[in-house]
Amino acid sequence: MSEMQDYKSRLSDPASRKFETFSYLPAMKAEDIKKQVEYLVKKGWNPAIEHIEPEHMMDSYWYMWKLPMFGETDVDKVLAEAEACHKANPNNHVRLIGYNNFNQSQGASMVIFRGKTV
């Protein structure tokens, strides 16, 4: 078995905190985010955008940016809303969610823009 890396995430150190699977990877570039939106739309999931201040990211409540985009299939419209949320809240984490109607759950949830950590 290979050596496992310990990510030293601590509540006392906001800069070290990890959230969701993709946070262990480098920040997503625009083309990476577009691929994720394309995936959500291809799966038939409803995209939604949420945001939160970095110091509160461990809370279970994130602010919803407008309503979920029910039935939206235009990738550019979803990306425009994500960018608008990020522009309006430049210091906040912004995440993309894909709601799966069939399972009535989140099919995907990932932070696409990282806010400034303390």
Protein backbone atom coordinates (compact mmCIF):
# COMPACT_ATOMS: atom_id res chain seq x y z
CA MET A 1 0.00 0.00 0.00
CA SER A 2 1.27 3.47 -0.83
CA GLU A 3 1.93 6.10 1.78
CA MET A 4 -1.08 8.26 2.59
CA GLN A 5 -0.54 12.00 2.83
CA ASP A 6 -1.84 13.74 5.95
CA TYR A 7 -3.55 17.03 5.16
CA LYS A 8 -3.10 19.07 8.30
CA SER A 9 -6.51 20.76 8.31
CA ARG A 10 -7.28 22.49 11.58
CA LEU A 11 -10.15 24.65 12.73
CA SER A 12 -7.63 26.92 14.42
CA ASP A 13 -5.91 27.58 11.07
CA PRO A 14 -8.46 28.84 8.50
CA ALA A 15 -5.92 28.70 5.67
CA SER A 16 -5.44 24.96 6.22
CA ARG A 17 -9.11 23.96 6.10
CA LYS A 18 -10.26 21.62 3.36
CA PHE A 19 -13.78 21.27 2.08
CA GLU A 20 -15.17 18.87 -0.48
CA THR A 21 -13.13 16.59 -2.71
CA PHE A 22 -11.75 19.13 -5.19
CA SER A 23 -10.29 21.36 -2.45
CA TYR A 24 -7.30 19.02 -2.24
CA LEU A 25 -6.48 19.82 -5.85
CA PRO A 26 -5.18 23.08 -7.31
CA ALA A 27 -7.84 25.76 -7.87
CA MET A 28 -9.94 25.15 -10.96
CA LYS A 29 -9.25 27.15 -14.08
CA ALA A 30 -12.07 28.52 -16.25
CA GLU A 31 -11.94 25.54 -18.62
CA ASP A 32 -12.13 23.12 -15.65
CA ILE A 33 -15.21 24.88 -14.28
CA LYS A 34 -16.81 24.82 -17.73
CA LYS A 35 -16.26 21.04 -17.95
CA GLN A 36 -17.97 20.58 -14.59
CA VAL A 37 -20.97 22.66 -15.71
CA GLU A 38 -21.13 20.68 -18.96
CA TYR A 39 -21.15 17.47 -16.93
CA LEU A 40 -24.03 18.68 -14.72
CA VAL A 41 -26.09 19.75 -17.71
CA LYS A 42 -25.37 16.50 -19.57
CA LYS A 43 -26.59 14.53 -16.53
CA GLY A 44 -29.82 16.57 -16.52
CA TRP A 45 -29.11 18.03 -13.09
CA ASN A 46 -30.31 21.49 -12.11
CA PRO A 47 -27.40 23.86 -11.47
CA ALA A 48 -27.33 26.19 -8.48
CA ILE A 49 -24.77 28.63 -7.07
CA GLU A 50 -24.07 29.24 -3.37
CA HIS A 51 -21.51 31.34 -1.51
CA ILE A 52 -20.20 31.90 2.02
CA GLU A 53 -17.53 33.84 3.88
CA PRO A 54 -14.38 31.71 4.37
CA GLU A 55 -14.55 32.03 8.16
CA HIS A 56 -17.99 30.39 8.13
CA MET A 57 -17.34 27.69 5.54
CA MET A 58 -17.67 24.89 8.10
CA ASP A 59 -21.29 25.92 8.74
CA SER A 60 -23.95 23.82 7.08
CA TYR A 61 -25.76 26.89 5.71
CA TRP A 62 -24.45 28.64 2.60
CA TYR A 63 -26.16 31.63 0.97
CA MET A 64 -28.08 30.78 -2.18
CA TRP A 65 -27.26 32.97 -5.18
CA LYS A 66 -30.69 33.47 -6.71
CA LEU A 67 -32.84 30.37 -7.21
CA PRO A 68 -31.55 27.08 -8.64
CA MET A 69 -31.52 27.19 -12.44
CA PHE A 70 -34.23 24.58 -12.99
CA GLY A 71 -34.02 23.09 -16.48
CA GLU A 72 -31.14 25.32 -17.57
CA THR A 73 -29.08 23.68 -20.32
CA ASP A 74 -27.06 26.70 -21.49
CA VAL A 75 -23.59 26.24 -20.03
CA ASP A 76 -22.70 29.89 -20.69
CA LYS A 77 -25.70 31.13 -18.65
CA VAL A 78 -24.67 28.98 -15.69
CA LEU A 79 -21.07 30.21 -15.95
CA ALA A 80 -22.29 33.82 -16.16
CA GLU A 81 -24.26 33.39 -12.91
CA ALA A 82 -21.26 31.83 -11.18
CA GLU A 83 -19.07 34.73 -12.33
CA ALA A 84 -21.70 37.27 -11.23
CA CYS A 85 -21.84 35.69 -7.76
CA HIS A 86 -18.05 35.70 -7.52
CA LYS A 87 -17.87 39.33 -8.67
CA ALA A 88 -20.55 40.40 -6.17
CA ASN A 89 -18.86 38.43 -3.35
CA PRO A 90 -15.13 38.46 -4.22
CA ASN A 91 -13.97 37.37 -0.75
CA ASN A 92 -16.40 34.47 -0.46
CA HIS A 93 -16.13 30.84 -1.46
CA VAL A 94 -18.51 30.11 -4.35
CA ARG A 95 -19.73 26.61 -5.05
CA LEU A 96 -21.54 24.96 -7.92
CA ILE A 97 -24.24 22.41 -7.11
CA GLY A 98 -26.03 19.97 -9.37
CA TYR A 99 -29.44 18.93 -8.03
CA ASN A 100 -30.51 15.46 -9.15
CA ASN A 101 -34.32 15.45 -9.53
CA PHE A 102 -34.52 11.66 -9.76
CA ASN A 103 -32.70 10.99 -6.47
CA GLN A 104 -33.89 14.27 -4.94
CA SER A 105 -30.39 15.01 -3.73
CA GLN A 106 -27.24 16.86 -4.70
CA GLY A 107 -25.53 14.94 -7.46
CA ALA A 108 -22.48 17.19 -7.25
CA SER A 109 -21.19 20.02 -5.11
CA MET A 110 -17.84 21.70 -5.57
CA VAL A 111 -16.17 24.99 -4.68
CA ILE A 112 -15.32 26.71 -7.95
CA PHE A 113 -13.99 30.00 -6.56
CA ARG A 114 -12.08 30.19 -3.29
CA GLY A 115 -12.39 33.23 -1.10
CA LYS A 116 -9.56 34.87 0.76
CA THR A 117 -8.53 33.02 3.90
CA VAL A 118 -7.33 34.79 7.00
